[in-house]
Protein backbone atom coordinates (compact mmCIF):
# COMPACT_ATOMS: atom_id res chain seq x y z
CA MET A 1 -8.01 -11.77 20.69
CA SER A 2 -7.89 -14.61 18.14
CA LYS A 3 -6.94 -12.92 15.01
CA LEU A 4 -4.52 -14.85 12.87
CA LEU A 5 -2.26 -13.11 10.29
CA ALA A 6 -0.82 -14.83 7.26
CA GLY A 7 -1.77 -18.16 8.70
CA ARG A 8 1.09 -18.09 11.34
CA TYR A 9 0.97 -14.97 13.50
CA GLU A 10 -1.45 -15.23 16.29
CA LEU A 11 -2.31 -11.74 17.83
CA ILE A 12 -2.32 -11.84 21.52
CA GLU A 13 -2.83 -8.26 22.93
CA LYS A 14 -2.37 -4.67 21.91
CA ILE A 15 0.66 -3.22 23.67
CA GLY A 16 1.22 0.03 22.01
CA GLU A 17 -0.09 2.50 19.26
CA GLY A 18 1.00 5.66 17.47
CA GLY A 19 -0.11 8.12 14.91
CA MET A 20 0.66 5.51 12.03
CA ALA A 21 0.23 2.09 13.38
CA VAL A 22 -0.94 0.05 16.28
CA VAL A 23 1.41 -2.67 17.91
CA TYR A 24 0.46 -6.10 19.02
CA LYS A 25 2.25 -8.82 21.06
CA ALA A 26 2.01 -12.04 18.90
CA ARG A 27 3.04 -15.65 18.74
CA CYS A 28 4.46 -16.96 15.57
CA ARG A 29 3.31 -20.51 15.26
CA LEU A 30 5.82 -21.72 12.74
CA LEU A 31 8.83 -20.62 14.96
CA ASN A 32 6.97 -20.89 18.10
CA ARG A 33 8.38 -17.51 19.48
CA TYR A 34 6.75 -14.24 20.55
CA VAL A 35 7.21 -11.30 18.19
CA ALA A 36 5.56 -7.83 18.11
CA ILE A 37 3.50 -7.00 14.91
CA LYS A 38 2.85 -3.37 13.95
CA ILE A 39 -0.21 -2.92 11.74
CA LEU A 40 -0.65 0.21 9.55
CA ARG A 41 -3.83 2.18 10.41
CA PRO A 42 -6.47 2.00 7.85
CA GLU A 43 -6.21 5.63 6.73
CA PHE A 44 -2.66 4.99 5.54
CA THR A 45 -3.50 1.90 3.60
CA LYS A 46 -5.64 4.03 1.27
CA ASP A 47 -2.33 5.63 -0.14
CA ALA A 48 -0.93 3.37 -2.68
CA GLN A 49 2.20 5.35 -2.72
CA PHE A 50 2.63 5.26 1.02
CA VAL A 51 1.98 1.59 1.14
CA GLU A 52 4.61 0.87 -1.62
CA ASN A 53 7.29 3.07 0.38
CA PHE A 54 6.40 1.22 3.57
CA LYS A 55 6.81 -2.14 2.00
CA ARG A 56 10.12 -1.27 0.32
CA GLU A 57 11.77 0.42 3.29
CA SER A 58 10.58 -2.28 5.71
CA GLN A 59 12.18 -4.84 3.63
CA ALA A 60 15.31 -2.78 3.42
CA ALA A 61 15.17 -2.34 7.19
CA ALA A 62 14.91 -6.13 7.60
CA GLY A 63 18.49 -6.51 6.11
CA LEU A 64 19.98 -4.28 9.14
CA GLN A 65 21.51 -6.56 11.68
CA HIS A 66 22.67 -4.63 14.67
CA PRO A 67 22.45 -5.29 18.57
CA ASN A 68 21.13 -1.75 18.82
CA ILE A 69 18.39 -2.00 16.04
CA VAL A 70 15.04 -3.58 16.58
CA SER A 71 15.06 -6.57 14.09
CA VAL A 72 12.48 -6.87 11.50
CA TYR A 73 11.59 -10.45 10.76
CA ASP A 74 8.90 -10.12 8.13
CA VAL A 75 6.63 -7.82 6.02
CA GLY A 76 3.09 -8.87 4.83
CA LYS A 77 -0.21 -8.12 3.91
CA GLU A 78 -3.59 -9.79 4.43
CA GLY A 79 -6.50 -8.40 2.73
CA ASN A 80 -6.36 -4.59 3.45
CA ILE A 81 -4.10 -5.20 6.50
CA HIS A 82 -0.34 -4.32 6.19
CA PHE A 83 2.05 -5.28 8.83
CA ILE A 84 5.59 -5.68 9.98
CA VAL A 85 6.73 -8.59 12.17
CA MET A 86 9.57 -7.30 14.50
CA GLU A 87 11.58 -8.54 17.43
CA LEU A 88 9.49 -8.23 20.73
CA ILE A 89 11.62 -5.93 23.17
CA ASP A 90 11.38 -6.71 26.92
CA GLY A 91 11.71 -3.07 27.96
CA ARG A 92 10.24 0.46 27.77
CA PRO A 93 10.37 3.35 25.32
CA LEU A 94 13.11 5.88 26.28
CA SER A 95 10.31 8.63 26.28
CA ASP A 96 8.86 6.87 29.43
CA ILE A 97 12.29 6.74 31.18
CA ILE A 98 12.85 10.51 30.22
CA GLN A 99 9.55 11.36 31.72
CA GLU A 100 10.43 9.66 35.01
CA ARG A 101 14.17 10.42 35.44
CA ALA A 102 15.13 13.43 33.50
CA PRO A 103 17.17 15.39 33.78
CA MET A 104 19.24 12.41 33.64
CA ASP A 105 22.92 11.86 34.64
CA TYR A 106 25.00 12.78 31.66
CA LYS A 107 27.03 9.50 31.97
CA THR A 108 23.97 7.41 31.54
CA SER A 109 22.79 9.81 28.66
CA ILE A 110 26.16 9.34 26.88
CA GLU A 111 26.00 5.56 27.22
CA LEU A 112 22.56 5.30 25.64
CA ILE A 113 22.89 8.01 23.00
CA LYS A 114 26.23 6.12 21.84
CA GLN A 115 24.16 2.98 21.32
CA VAL A 116 21.60 4.73 19.26
CA ALA A 117 24.32 6.64 17.23
CA SER A 118 26.01 3.20 16.53
CA ALA A 119 22.58 1.94 15.18
CA LEU A 120 22.40 5.02 12.91
CA SER A 121 25.93 4.49 11.72
CA VAL A 122 25.00 0.96 10.49
CA ALA A 123 21.79 2.25 8.86
CA HIS A 124 23.45 5.30 7.10
CA ARG A 125 26.24 2.90 5.69
CA ASN A 126 23.34 0.89 4.18
CA HIS A 127 21.87 4.19 2.73
CA ILE A 128 18.96 4.10 4.98
CA ILE A 129 18.00 7.42 6.58
CA HIS A 130 15.56 6.96 9.67
CA ARG A 131 13.77 10.50 9.54
CA ASP A 132 12.02 10.14 12.78
CA VAL A 133 14.54 9.49 15.68
CA LYS A 134 12.69 10.35 18.76
CA PRO A 135 12.47 8.65 22.45
CA HIS A 136 9.27 6.92 21.41
CA ASN A 137 11.13 5.06 18.79
CA ILE A 138 14.08 4.16 21.07
CA MET A 139 13.44 0.95 23.40
CA ILE A 140 15.49 0.37 26.51
CA THR A 141 15.80 -3.24 27.40
CA LYS A 142 15.81 -4.15 30.99
CA ASP A 143 19.61 -4.71 31.04
CA GLY A 144 20.05 -1.16 29.72
CA MET A 145 20.55 -1.69 25.86
CA ALA A 146 19.03 0.87 23.51
CA LYS A 147 17.40 -0.28 20.36
CA LEU A 148 16.29 2.01 17.62
CA ALA A 149 13.06 1.08 15.70
CA ASP A 150 10.59 2.04 13.02
CA PHE A 151 12.85 2.42 10.06
CA GLY A 152 10.07 1.45 7.56
CA ILE A 153 7.27 3.81 8.64
CA ALA A 154 9.60 6.62 9.16
CA LYS A 155 10.72 6.54 5.41
CA ALA A 156 7.22 5.89 4.19
CA VAL A 157 6.20 9.18 5.28
CA SER A 158 9.27 11.05 4.13
CA ASP A 159 7.73 12.55 1.26
CA SER A 160 4.65 13.77 2.98
CA THR A 161 4.37 17.48 3.86
CA LEU A 162 4.52 18.79 7.43
CA VAL A 163 0.57 19.61 7.17
CA THR A 164 -1.69 17.73 5.05
CA GLU A 165 -4.95 18.84 3.76
CA THR A 166 -6.58 17.75 6.94
CA SER A 167 -3.88 19.67 8.90
CA LYS A 168 -2.55 16.45 10.34
CA VAL A 169 1.16 16.45 11.41
CA ILE A 170 3.29 13.83 9.89
CA GLY A 171 6.12 12.67 12.11
CA SER A 172 7.29 14.17 15.46
CA VAL A 173 7.70 17.79 15.11
CA HIS A 174 9.71 18.30 18.34
CA TYR A 175 12.34 16.29 16.99
CA PHE A 176 12.25 17.40 13.33
CA SER A 177 15.44 18.99 11.70
CA PRO A 178 14.89 22.47 10.12
CA GLU A 179 15.26 20.87 6.61
CA GLN A 180 12.31 18.49 7.33
CA ALA A 181 10.28 21.24 8.69
CA ARG A 182 10.73 23.11 5.27
CA GLY A 183 10.14 19.89 3.28
CA ALA A 184 13.68 20.43 1.98
CA TYR A 185 16.66 17.73 1.23
CA VAL A 186 17.10 15.36 4.10
CA ASP A 187 20.30 13.22 4.73
CA GLU A 188 22.30 11.46 7.46
CA ARG A 189 22.71 14.80 9.26
CA SER A 190 18.83 15.12 9.68
CA ASP A 191 19.11 12.08 11.87
CA ILE A 192 22.05 13.46 13.81
CA TYR A 193 19.92 16.61 14.38
CA SER A 194 17.10 14.64 15.87
CA LEU A 195 19.40 12.53 17.90
CA GLY A 196 20.96 15.78 19.30
CA ILE A 197 17.45 16.88 20.44
CA VAL A 198 16.89 13.53 22.15
CA LEU A 199 20.13 13.95 24.01
CA TYR A 200 19.17 17.48 24.87
CA GLU A 201 15.83 16.40 26.41
CA MET A 202 17.59 13.61 28.49
CA LEU A 203 20.01 16.22 29.96
CA THR A 204 17.53 18.93 30.51
CA GLY A 205 14.21 17.05 31.01
CA GLN A 206 12.51 19.13 28.16
CA VAL A 207 12.76 19.67 24.32
CA PRO A 208 14.22 22.86 23.17
CA PHE A 209 11.21 24.06 21.25
CA ASP A 210 7.58 23.63 22.13
CA GLY A 211 4.46 25.61 21.24
CA ASP A 212 0.60 25.72 20.90
CA ASN A 213 0.52 23.91 17.57
CA PRO A 214 2.95 21.64 15.34
CA VAL A 215 3.44 24.38 12.95
CA GLN A 216 4.57 26.70 15.37
CA VAL A 217 7.16 24.33 16.81
CA ALA A 218 8.32 23.55 13.15
CA LEU A 219 9.05 27.23 12.66
CA MET A 220 10.98 27.44 16.00
CA HIS A 221 13.48 24.73 14.51
CA ILE A 222 13.80 26.83 11.47
CA ASN A 223 14.20 30.21 12.87
CA ASP A 224 14.99 30.17 16.65
CA GLU A 225 18.17 29.54 18.39
CA ILE A 226 18.48 26.55 20.72
CA THR A 227 19.03 27.54 24.54
CA PRO A 228 22.34 25.92 25.76
CA PRO A 229 21.39 23.07 28.07
CA SER A 230 23.71 24.17 30.75
CA GLU A 231 21.42 27.37 31.19
CA LEU A 232 18.68 24.94 32.16
CA VAL A 233 20.42 22.51 34.17
CA PRO A 234 23.96 23.21 35.93
CA GLY A 235 26.82 20.82 35.65
CA ILE A 236 26.47 19.66 32.19
CA PRO A 237 30.11 19.24 30.82
CA PRO A 238 30.97 21.90 28.38
CA ALA A 239 32.47 19.48 25.92
CA LEU A 240 29.14 17.52 26.02
CA GLU A 241 27.16 21.01 25.52
CA LYS A 242 29.23 21.70 22.62
CA LEU A 243 28.52 18.32 21.13
CA VAL A 244 24.84 18.93 21.61
CA MET A 245 25.04 22.37 20.08
CA LYS A 246 26.84 21.14 16.99
CA ALA A 247 24.54 18.21 16.41
CA THR A 248 21.63 20.64 16.41
CA ASP A 249 23.06 23.35 14.29
CA LYS A 250 20.50 24.71 11.98
CA TYR A 251 22.73 24.34 8.84
CA GLN A 252 23.35 20.66 7.86
CA SER A 253 27.01 21.67 6.88
CA ASN A 254 27.82 22.67 10.44
CA ARG A 255 26.68 19.38 11.96
CA TYR A 256 28.53 16.22 12.43
CA LYS A 257 29.22 14.83 8.94
CA SER A 258 28.20 11.46 10.03
CA ALA A 259 27.13 9.38 12.85
CA ASP A 260 30.60 7.82 13.27
CA GLU A 261 32.11 11.28 13.77
CA PHE A 262 29.50 12.16 16.40
CA LEU A 263 30.17 8.80 18.16
CA GLU A 264 34.04 9.48 18.10
CA ASP A 265 33.38 12.78 20.07
CA LEU A 266 31.07 10.89 22.56
CA ASP A 267 33.82 8.22 22.91
CA ASN A 268 36.43 11.16 23.74
CA ILE A 269 34.08 12.83 26.41
CA GLU A 270 33.36 9.52 27.99
CA PHE A 271 37.06 8.62 28.04
CA VAL A 272 38.16 12.01 29.68
CA THR A 273 35.35 11.76 32.54
CA LYS A 274 36.65 8.21 33.29
CA MET A 275 40.11 9.49 33.48
CA VAL A 276 39.79 12.64 35.63
CA GLY A 277 35.99 12.48 36.89
CA ASN A 278 33.50 15.30 36.86
CA SER A 279 35.89 17.97 38.19
CA VAL A 280 37.57 18.59 35.12
CA PHE A 281 34.13 19.51 33.46
CA ALA A 282 33.01 21.58 36.35
CA ALA A 283 35.94 24.23 35.76
CA SER A 284 34.54 27.41 34.31
CA ASP A 285 37.60 27.96 32.10
CA VAL A 286 40.98 26.52 31.12
CA GLU A 287 42.84 28.58 33.67
CA GLU A 288 40.74 27.30 36.55
CA PHE A 289 41.13 23.75 35.45
CA GLN A 290 44.97 24.17 35.09
CA GLU A 291 45.14 25.79 38.56
CA MET A 292 43.00 23.03 39.96
CA ASN A 293 45.51 20.31 38.64
CA ARG A 294 48.39 22.61 39.92
CA ARG A 295 47.21 22.63 43.25
CA LYS A 296 46.36 18.93 43.24
CA GLU A 297 49.99 18.13 42.31
CA VAL A 298 51.29 20.30 45.03
CA GLU A 299 49.10 18.99 47.72
CA ASP A 300 49.64 15.36 46.88
CA VAL A 301 53.35 15.38 46.26
CA LEU A 302 55.38 18.42 47.06
CA PRO A 303 54.56 18.89 50.69
CA LYS A 304 56.08 15.58 51.39
CA SER A 305 59.43 16.42 49.99
CA LYS A 306 59.55 19.99 51.34
CA GLU A 307 58.89 19.18 54.92
CA LYS A 308 61.56 20.75 57.23
CA PRO A 309 64.15 18.31 58.07
CA ALA A 310 63.96 16.96 61.64
CA LYS A 311 66.73 17.65 64.10
CA LYS A 312 69.83 15.37 63.49
CA VAL A 313 69.65 12.15 65.42
CA LYS A 314 71.81 9.19 65.95
CA ALA A 315 72.02 6.79 62.97
CA LYS A 316 69.33 4.30 62.84
CA PRO A 317 69.71 0.70 62.03
CA SER A 318 70.28 -0.09 58.34
CA LYS A 319 66.94 -1.84 58.32
CA VAL A 320 65.17 1.53 58.78
CA LYS A 321 67.25 3.35 56.25
CA GLN A 322 66.31 0.85 53.67
CA GLY A 323 62.58 1.41 54.64
CA ASN A 324 63.08 5.11 53.94
CA LYS A 325 64.71 4.43 50.65
CA ASN A 326 61.75 2.30 49.67
CA LYS A 327 59.48 5.13 50.82
CA LYS A 328 61.22 7.75 48.72
CA LYS A 329 61.14 5.31 45.56
CA MET A 330 57.43 4.92 46.05
CA ILE A 331 56.91 8.77 46.30
CA ILE A 332 58.87 9.25 43.14
CA ALA A 333 57.05 6.53 41.36
CA SER A 334 53.82 8.23 42.30
CA VAL A 335 54.90 11.54 41.04
CA VAL A 336 55.84 10.12 37.80
CA GLY A 337 52.65 8.07 37.50
CA ALA A 338 50.59 11.31 38.29
CA ALA A 339 52.64 13.12 35.65
CA VAL A 340 52.12 10.50 33.01
CA VAL A 341 48.20 10.55 33.73
CA ILE A 342 48.07 14.29 33.79
CA ALA A 343 50.02 14.38 30.42
CA ALA A 344 47.60 11.94 28.77
CA VAL A 345 44.51 13.80 30.15
CA PHE A 346 45.92 17.10 28.88
CA GLY A 347 46.79 15.33 25.53
CA VAL A 348 42.97 14.38 25.13
CA LEU A 349 41.83 17.52 26.32
CA TYR A 350 43.98 19.32 23.79
CA ALA A 351 42.74 17.06 20.95
CA LEU A 352 39.25 17.94 22.12
CA GLY A 353 40.06 21.65 22.06
CA ILE A 354 39.18 22.08 25.77
CA ILE A 355 42.61 23.50 26.05
CA GLY A 356 45.26 24.63 23.55
CA GLY A 357 47.62 27.41 22.27
CA GLY A 358 47.17 31.12 21.92
CA LEU A 359 46.33 31.17 18.27
CA LYS A 360 42.51 31.73 17.45
CA ALA A 361 40.52 31.60 14.34
CA PRO A 362 39.83 35.09 12.96
CA ASN A 363 36.36 36.35 11.88
CA LEU A 364 35.91 35.50 8.02
CA ILE A 365 32.26 36.16 7.91
CA ASP A 366 31.39 38.61 5.23
CA LYS A 367 34.66 38.24 3.42
CA THR A 368 35.48 37.00 -0.02
CA TYR A 369 37.36 33.62 -0.33
CA GLU A 370 40.39 35.37 -1.72
CA GLU A 371 40.43 37.78 1.25
CA ALA A 372 40.03 34.95 3.76
CA GLU A 373 42.69 32.84 2.08
CA ALA A 374 45.37 35.83 2.22
CA GLU A 375 44.44 36.45 6.05
CA LEU A 376 44.84 32.77 6.99
CA LYS A 377 48.12 32.38 4.91
CA GLU A 378 49.67 35.32 7.20
CA MET A 379 48.57 33.38 10.29
CA GLY A 380 50.06 30.01 9.06
CA LEU A 381 46.64 28.50 8.66
CA LYS A 382 45.17 26.78 5.65
CA ILE A 383 41.62 27.24 4.10
CA GLU A 384 39.14 24.76 2.59
CA ARG A 385 35.94 25.71 0.78
CA GLY A 386 32.97 23.66 1.94
CA GLU A 387 29.47 23.32 0.39
CA ASP A 388 27.76 26.70 -0.35
CA ILE A 389 24.87 27.49 1.90
CA PRO A 390 21.93 29.79 1.73
CA SER A 391 22.05 32.93 3.83
CA ASP A 392 19.60 35.87 4.69
CA GLU A 393 22.37 38.00 6.10
CA VAL A 394 25.47 37.69 4.02
CA GLU A 395 25.36 38.64 0.22
CA GLU A 396 25.97 36.00 -2.45
CA GLY A 397 29.63 35.05 -3.03
CA LYS A 398 30.91 36.02 0.49
CA ILE A 399 31.69 33.89 3.41
CA ALA A 400 28.57 32.90 5.53
CA ASN A 401 29.89 30.41 7.88
CA GLN A 402 33.28 29.04 9.08
CA THR A 403 34.58 26.07 11.13
CA PRO A 404 36.20 26.42 13.59
CA GLU A 405 34.20 29.50 14.48
CA LYS A 406 35.60 32.99 15.41
CA GLY A 407 37.75 33.00 18.52
CA GLU A 408 38.18 29.17 18.78
CA LYS A 409 41.55 27.90 19.48
CA VAL A 410 43.63 26.74 16.56
CA GLU A 411 47.32 25.64 15.83
CA LYS A 412 49.70 26.62 13.02
CA GLY A 413 49.00 24.52 10.07
CA ASP A 414 45.14 24.03 10.99
CA THR A 415 42.64 24.22 8.12
CA ILE A 416 39.50 26.44 8.47
CA THR A 417 36.54 25.46 6.32
CA VAL A 418 34.56 28.28 5.02
CA ARG A 419 31.15 28.09 3.34
CA ILE A 420 30.13 30.75 0.65
CA SER A 421 26.57 32.28 0.68
CA SER A 422 24.65 31.31 -2.06
CA GLY A 423 22.13 34.07 -1.67
CA LYS A 424 18.72 33.77 0.16
CA GLU A 425 17.59 30.21 0.61
CA LYS A 426 15.42 29.05 -2.18
CA VAL A 427 12.01 27.16 -1.60
CA VAL A 428 9.44 25.60 -3.63
CA VAL A 429 5.97 27.10 -3.67
CA PRO A 430 3.31 24.71 -2.42
CA ASN A 431 0.02 24.11 -4.47
CA LEU A 432 -2.81 26.20 -2.95
CA TYR A 433 -5.35 25.53 -5.73
CA GLY A 434 -8.62 24.12 -4.31
CA GLU A 435 -7.75 24.79 -0.81
CA THR A 436 -10.36 26.56 1.42
CA TYR A 437 -9.34 30.02 2.35
CA ASP A 438 -8.61 30.45 5.95
CA GLU A 439 -6.27 33.13 6.62
CA SER A 440 -4.46 31.63 9.74
CA ARG A 441 -4.20 28.13 8.17
CA ILE A 442 -2.96 29.33 4.78
CA GLU A 443 -0.37 31.66 6.49
CA ALA A 444 0.79 28.78 8.70
CA LEU A 445 1.22 26.37 5.74
CA LEU A 446 3.24 29.14 3.77
CA GLU A 447 5.34 30.03 6.87
CA SER A 448 6.30 26.18 7.25
CA LYS A 449 7.53 26.36 3.61
CA GLY A 450 9.54 29.54 4.38
CA LEU A 451 7.11 31.74 2.57
CA LYS A 452 4.66 34.38 3.56
CA LEU A 453 1.04 35.36 2.62
CA GLY A 454 0.86 38.20 0.35
CA GLY A 455 -2.27 39.96 -1.21
CA VAL A 456 -5.75 38.40 -1.22
CA SER A 457 -7.99 39.25 -4.00
CA TYR A 458 -11.58 37.97 -4.93
CA ASP A 459 -13.15 36.87 -8.10
CA ASP A 460 -16.33 35.35 -9.60
CA SER A 461 -16.03 31.67 -10.25
CA GLU A 462 -18.09 28.62 -10.76
CA THR A 463 -15.79 27.28 -7.98
CA GLU A 464 -17.36 27.06 -4.55
CA LYS A 465 -17.13 30.38 -2.74
CA GLY A 466 -14.16 30.74 -0.44
CA THR A 467 -11.95 28.35 -2.59
CA ILE A 468 -8.39 29.44 -3.67
CA ILE A 469 -8.68 29.62 -7.55
CA GLY A 470 -5.18 31.31 -8.14
CA GLN A 471 -1.89 32.07 -6.90
CA ASN A 472 1.40 33.95 -7.74
CA PRO A 473 4.10 32.58 -7.89
CA GLY A 474 2.47 29.46 -9.01
CA GLN A 475 2.73 25.93 -7.65
CA ASN A 476 6.27 24.18 -7.77
CA GLU A 477 8.16 27.43 -8.67
CA GLU A 478 11.37 27.95 -6.86
CA VAL A 479 11.71 31.29 -5.18
CA GLU A 480 13.65 33.06 -2.42
CA ALA A 481 12.76 32.15 1.16
CA GLY A 482 10.46 35.00 2.39
CA THR A 483 8.85 35.68 -0.83
CA ALA A 484 5.13 36.60 -0.40
CA VAL A 485 2.60 34.37 -2.26
CA ASN A 486 -0.49 36.15 -3.58
CA ILE A 487 -3.92 34.41 -3.98
CA VAL A 488 -7.19 34.68 -5.65
CA VAL A 489 -10.16 33.47 -3.75
CA SER A 490 -13.51 32.59 -5.33
CA LYS A 491 -16.46 34.63 -4.58
CA GLY A 492 -18.79 31.95 -6.08
CA THR A 493 -21.47 32.99 -8.53
CA ASP A 494 -24.83 34.61 -8.46
CA LYS A 495 -26.46 31.17 -9.42
CA ILE A 496 -28.55 29.42 -6.88
CA ARG A 497 -29.70 25.85 -6.71
CA VAL A 498 -32.99 24.80 -7.87
CA PRO A 499 -34.87 23.25 -5.02
CA SER A 500 -36.95 19.94 -5.39
CA VAL A 501 -40.79 20.56 -5.61
CA THR A 502 -41.63 17.06 -7.11
CA GLY A 503 -44.58 15.63 -5.09
CA LEU A 504 -45.62 18.91 -3.72
CA THR A 505 -49.08 20.48 -4.51
CA VAL A 506 -49.26 23.16 -7.27
CA ALA A 507 -49.80 25.71 -4.34
CA LYS A 508 -46.92 24.50 -2.13
CA ALA A 509 -44.38 24.11 -5.25
CA THR A 510 -45.21 27.64 -6.51
CA LYS A 511 -44.58 29.20 -3.10
CA LYS A 512 -41.45 27.41 -2.55
CA LEU A 513 -39.92 28.35 -5.88
CA GLU A 514 -41.08 31.88 -5.80
CA ASP A 515 -39.63 32.25 -2.23
CA ALA A 516 -36.24 31.06 -3.65
CA GLY A 517 -36.37 33.68 -6.34
CA PHE A 518 -37.63 31.84 -9.49
CA VAL A 519 -40.53 32.48 -11.82
CA VAL A 520 -42.83 29.47 -12.17
CA ASN A 521 -44.41 28.24 -15.40
CA PRO A 522 -47.06 25.73 -14.78
CA VAL A 523 -47.81 23.05 -17.27
CA TYR A 524 -50.61 20.52 -16.77
CA GLU A 525 -50.64 16.98 -18.07
CA ASP A 526 -52.74 13.78 -17.51
CA SER A 527 -51.10 11.32 -15.03
CA GLU A 528 -52.31 8.03 -13.90
CA VAL A 529 -49.66 7.82 -11.07
CA TYR A 530 -49.71 11.42 -9.37
CA ASP A 531 -52.86 12.74 -7.75
CA LYS A 532 -54.59 15.69 -9.41
CA ASN A 533 -52.70 19.17 -8.81
CA THR A 534 -49.43 17.27 -7.71
CA VAL A 535 -46.15 18.36 -9.33
CA PHE A 536 -44.62 15.23 -10.88
CA LYS A 537 -41.86 16.91 -13.20
CA GLN A 538 -39.74 19.91 -13.18
CA ASP A 539 -37.34 21.74 -15.45
CA PRO A 540 -34.39 22.60 -14.78
CA SER A 541 -34.17 19.29 -12.61
CA PRO A 542 -33.51 19.82 -8.70
CA GLY A 543 -29.97 20.76 -7.77
CA THR A 544 -29.20 22.49 -10.92
CA GLU A 545 -27.44 25.96 -10.41
CA VAL A 546 -29.17 28.65 -12.45
CA LYS A 547 -29.35 32.59 -12.09
CA GLU A 548 -31.82 34.14 -9.57
CA GLY A 549 -35.09 34.88 -11.49
CA ALA A 550 -34.85 32.17 -13.95
CA THR A 551 -38.10 30.50 -15.12
CA ILE A 552 -38.83 26.94 -13.50
CA THR A 553 -41.35 24.78 -15.61
CA ILE A 554 -43.41 22.62 -13.31
CA THR A 555 -45.67 19.67 -14.88
CA ILE A 556 -48.64 19.34 -12.69
CA SER A 557 -51.00 16.08 -12.82
CA LYS A 558 -54.46 16.61 -14.10
CA GLY A 559 -55.28 13.23 -12.79
CA ALA A 560 -56.13 10.21 -14.95
CA PRO A 561 -57.74 10.85 -18.40
CA VAL A 562 -61.36 10.37 -18.77
CA VAL A 563 -62.09 7.21 -21.04
CA LYS A 564 -65.44 6.66 -22.79
CA PRO A 565 -66.83 3.10 -22.82
CA PRO A 566 -66.61 1.27 -26.19
CA ASP A 567 -69.75 1.22 -28.37
CA ASP A 568 -72.55 -1.66 -28.10
CA PRO A 569 -73.32 -3.03 -31.68
CA ASP A 570 -76.70 -4.65 -30.39
CA ASP A 571 -77.94 -1.49 -29.00
CA PRO A 572 -81.34 -0.57 -30.99
CA ASP A 573 -81.30 3.09 -29.86
CA ASP A 574 -78.06 3.57 -31.80
CA PRO A 575 -79.25 5.44 -34.95
CA ASP A 576 -75.96 4.43 -36.80
CA ASP A 577 -76.56 0.70 -36.38
CA GLY A 578 -79.55 0.48 -38.98
CA GLY A 579 -77.94 2.44 -41.63
CA ASP A 580 -74.66 0.47 -41.34
CA ASP A 581 -76.56 -2.77 -41.50
CA ALA A 582 -78.47 -1.64 -44.55
CA ASN A 583 -75.33 -0.27 -46.35
CA ALA A 584 -73.80 -3.52 -45.53
CA SER A 585 -76.79 -5.38 -46.94
CA GLY A 586 -76.98 -3.26 -50.08
CA ASP A 587 -73.31 -3.71 -50.74
CA GLU A 588 -73.92 -7.41 -50.37
CA GLY A 589 -76.86 -7.23 -52.85
């Protein structure tokens, strides 16, 4: 391949491709270095808004400098080719590694996800939301470093719907957040959801939702509960599972508020595993964990101090006595050291909520804010109102969600955040005008927006038969989720197209028109171009839609007109010649 872009980037070979772009290895002649160039597919370059978003966001991503972000060097265009010049990574996408090694060791998973979370933290602080976090966009270098890519393209498609007019899926539906699937507001927590799904797949070897088609998977993100990863793969630390479940909560307000908060919990879990190993996470509950540590203390320390004393013997030399004293000191030091380590570990576990006091958060769901406030005050707890959230189960004005949840351990003075129901979720009705009515496709499109298909009626219309010509509620109306959208479908008209008969003989033209349901009105005219009895004009013209039974006038050639030769003035047999001459002479005389 010898293509040269922008006079400096020499394309060498194709190294990858996706739904929106093709990636090439290239050499920058100006700086004499190898780079990766991502070229937009032609179908996306036709959308001016897409290209503008792509250019603007790629330029913004170029300003992100972080070891876990694939660097963007340049953004350009040559003719109709739009491209991004990026850092060339010597490694493989995480998707390949998951396919080969998953379920992956949870320590390795934590280490890699921490790096991606760190990359997202930097992006979010710069007001850039990725919107397409998935294993395919995470490169793993040969030395184990994770690098997040594709900020520009991800943002460029952010305003696209889940299913386009050609039913083409935009984005990676297996990692979509519920709000992305609904076409609703997207923020930093949407990236955290997607990263939680990636971690889930690393730990279990499978995505939580899969189906026969993208719309079905998107609906699962919206409606279905995620199966806890430990039910698929035993041995996943409970604290890590809790982190995954929080990151992938269907409500944005229940997830981690930021990538930094997500990262902090990952750090804590990693610290605890390094301190006490896997055993702390294998315990089924707090009591088992405490019993395990109690036995360890007894076995390691107490048996040595409780051994039956030996029979009295004669005093040993002072050197031996000194050795025994030193041994006792070592034992005491070991006990103290173990106690310090155990205390530190318990402190971390306590902070993480793995162990704690006996006070538990009450159930505040379905209560008013005032009722909850009074109940928590009696328990010595505080209350804080979070952002309102939609709810299909809880009526407007009552508590629909709380953090910590019912039954979780809390301490006096702790704060419980409650979120009040704003009623059923509001969604925007899509534009169905002009769509071809296919029941399963229209149902899927409406379900992806949180709506359902209502009544279907038919009406006469000049619009092509089978096309949607009306809907209620109308496009862009804001309605409650689950609202039925009624549509009107065109029956077409009783008009039919006039076939072309130009160039046919009168017999064939007449038969063709009559077979199509028309009445024929033949008209004959001279023509020097068309053979005799050939149709050379028709009215209405071919392709015109007219009612069945209408009259079609066809003009038929009579052939070339007969032309008499001009008169010969010298012909003696012409009786007019003499008279004319005589009159001429007489006039002259």
